[in-house]
Amino acid sequence: MLLNEPTVVCTPTRDGRCAILSVGGEVDLATLPRFRRALVPVLDAASVLVVSLDDVGHLSAAGVRFLEEIRAVKEDQGGGLLLQCGEHRPARLVLQALGIPVITELPISLRSGASVTPP
């Protein structure tokens, strides 16, 4: 695996209604196929997906487009997508510049394993 390839780790909450996806590496046109392969299998892991982008060093337009595609799929399924990224992280700066909602921290309910409904 190359250093800049994205990694995805899926952690479902106890009730199975939410899954937290921790993404790391670079998400750009070159790495998008691997990101897509890693993410698509977990789309049905829960009705609500929280994608944590704290460890993403670079998020390109292709990566943003894919995240928005995932949001549309989850909403069509009656669920949702939350994007989480800490202050001053590269992915957050990109998403904020595009006006895409981002939460700074995981809600306490998620940290304790409960379910969540996207805003």
Protein backbone atom coordinates (compact mmCIF):
# COMPACT_ATOMS: atom_id res chain seq x y z
CA MET A 1 0.00 0.00 0.00
CA LEU A 2 1.29 3.45 -0.86
CA LEU A 3 1.54 5.98 1.96
CA ASN A 4 -1.04 8.28 0.42
CA GLU A 5 -3.68 5.60 -0.18
CA PRO A 6 -6.85 6.08 1.84
CA THR A 7 -7.78 3.77 4.68
CA VAL A 8 -11.31 3.16 5.91
CA VAL A 9 -12.28 1.56 9.23
CA CYS A 10 -15.98 0.92 9.97
CA THR A 11 -17.28 0.79 13.56
CA PRO A 12 -21.04 0.19 13.93
CA THR A 13 -22.80 1.49 17.04
CA ARG A 14 -24.33 -1.04 19.40
CA ASP A 15 -27.84 -0.62 18.04
CA GLY A 16 -26.66 -0.96 14.43
CA ARG A 17 -28.40 2.24 13.29
CA CYS A 18 -25.17 4.18 12.86
CA ALA A 19 -21.70 3.33 11.62
CA ILE A 20 -18.62 5.48 12.10
CA LEU A 21 -16.18 5.38 9.20
CA SER A 22 -12.70 6.62 10.04
CA VAL A 23 -10.89 7.67 6.88
CA GLY A 24 -7.18 8.41 6.61
CA GLY A 25 -4.64 9.20 3.90
CA GLU A 26 -5.32 11.14 0.73
CA VAL A 27 -8.63 11.10 -1.09
CA ASP A 28 -8.05 12.34 -4.62
CA LEU A 29 -8.51 11.22 -8.21
CA ALA A 30 -5.59 8.78 -8.00
CA THR A 31 -6.78 7.11 -4.78
CA LEU A 32 -10.53 7.38 -5.36
CA PRO A 33 -10.92 3.84 -6.77
CA ARG A 34 -9.45 2.35 -3.58
CA PHE A 35 -11.51 4.71 -1.40
CA ARG A 36 -14.65 3.70 -3.30
CA ARG A 37 -13.83 -0.03 -2.97
CA ALA A 38 -13.33 0.39 0.78
CA LEU A 39 -16.45 2.48 1.35
CA VAL A 40 -19.09 0.89 -0.87
CA PRO A 41 -19.28 -2.39 1.10
CA VAL A 42 -20.13 -0.53 4.33
CA LEU A 43 -22.85 1.69 2.83
CA ASP A 44 -25.49 -0.69 4.15
CA ALA A 45 -23.81 -1.19 7.54
CA ALA A 46 -26.25 1.27 9.12
CA SER A 47 -28.90 3.81 8.18
CA VAL A 48 -26.71 6.72 9.29
CA LEU A 49 -23.04 6.94 8.37
CA VAL A 50 -20.63 9.25 10.15
CA VAL A 51 -17.46 9.76 8.11
CA SER A 52 -14.57 10.97 10.25
CA LEU A 53 -12.06 12.84 8.08
CA ASP A 54 -9.61 13.91 10.81
CA ASP A 55 -6.78 11.80 9.37
CA VAL A 56 -7.30 12.81 5.72
CA GLY A 57 -4.28 14.79 4.56
CA HIS A 58 -5.78 15.83 1.22
CA LEU A 59 -9.38 15.86 -0.03
CA SER A 60 -9.83 16.66 -3.70
CA ALA A 61 -12.93 17.61 -5.67
CA ALA A 62 -13.27 13.96 -6.73
CA GLY A 63 -13.36 12.90 -3.08
CA VAL A 64 -15.93 15.56 -2.21
CA ARG A 65 -18.09 14.52 -5.17
CA PHE A 66 -18.01 10.90 -4.00
CA LEU A 67 -18.98 11.89 -0.45
CA GLU A 68 -21.92 13.86 -1.85
CA GLU A 69 -22.93 10.80 -3.91
CA ILE A 70 -22.91 8.76 -0.71
CA ARG A 71 -25.06 11.39 1.01
CA ALA A 72 -27.63 11.14 -1.81
CA VAL A 73 -27.68 7.32 -1.62
CA LYS A 74 -28.14 7.34 2.16
CA GLU A 75 -30.91 9.95 1.96
CA ASP A 76 -32.68 7.91 -0.76
CA GLN A 77 -32.54 4.95 1.65
CA GLY A 78 -34.12 7.05 4.42
CA GLY A 79 -30.85 7.49 6.31
CA GLY A 80 -28.16 10.11 6.25
CA LEU A 81 -24.50 11.06 6.23
CA LEU A 82 -22.61 13.19 8.74
CA LEU A 83 -19.11 14.43 7.97
CA GLN A 84 -16.87 14.92 11.01
CA CYS A 85 -13.55 16.72 10.97
CA GLY A 86 -11.66 18.69 13.61
CA GLU A 87 -10.88 22.38 13.34
CA HIS A 88 -8.05 23.39 10.98
CA ARG A 89 -7.83 19.94 9.37
CA PRO A 90 -7.28 19.92 5.58
CA ALA A 91 -10.54 18.13 4.76
CA ARG A 92 -12.57 20.53 6.92
CA LEU A 93 -11.12 23.56 5.16
CA VAL A 94 -12.13 22.13 1.77
CA LEU A 95 -15.64 21.21 2.91
CA GLN A 96 -16.23 24.56 4.61
CA ALA A 97 -15.08 26.43 1.50
CA LEU A 98 -17.72 24.52 -0.46
CA GLY A 99 -20.44 25.16 2.11
CA ILE A 100 -20.78 21.48 3.03
CA PRO A 101 -21.85 20.92 6.65
CA VAL A 102 -19.19 19.41 8.92
CA ILE A 103 -19.38 18.59 12.61
CA THR A 104 -16.27 19.15 14.74
CA GLU A 105 -16.63 16.26 17.17
CA LEU A 106 -18.61 13.08 17.34
CA PRO A 107 -21.80 13.59 19.35
CA ILE A 108 -21.59 12.18 22.87
CA SER A 109 -24.39 9.79 21.97
CA LEU A 110 -22.14 8.24 19.32
CA ARG A 111 -19.15 7.99 21.60
CA SER A 112 -21.33 6.00 23.99
CA GLY A 113 -22.63 3.77 21.21
CA ALA A 114 -26.18 5.14 20.92
CA SER A 115 -27.92 6.03 17.69
CA VAL A 116 -28.00 9.42 15.99
CA THR A 117 -30.15 11.21 13.45
CA PRO A 118 -28.41 13.52 10.98
CA PRO A 119 -29.35 17.21 11.06
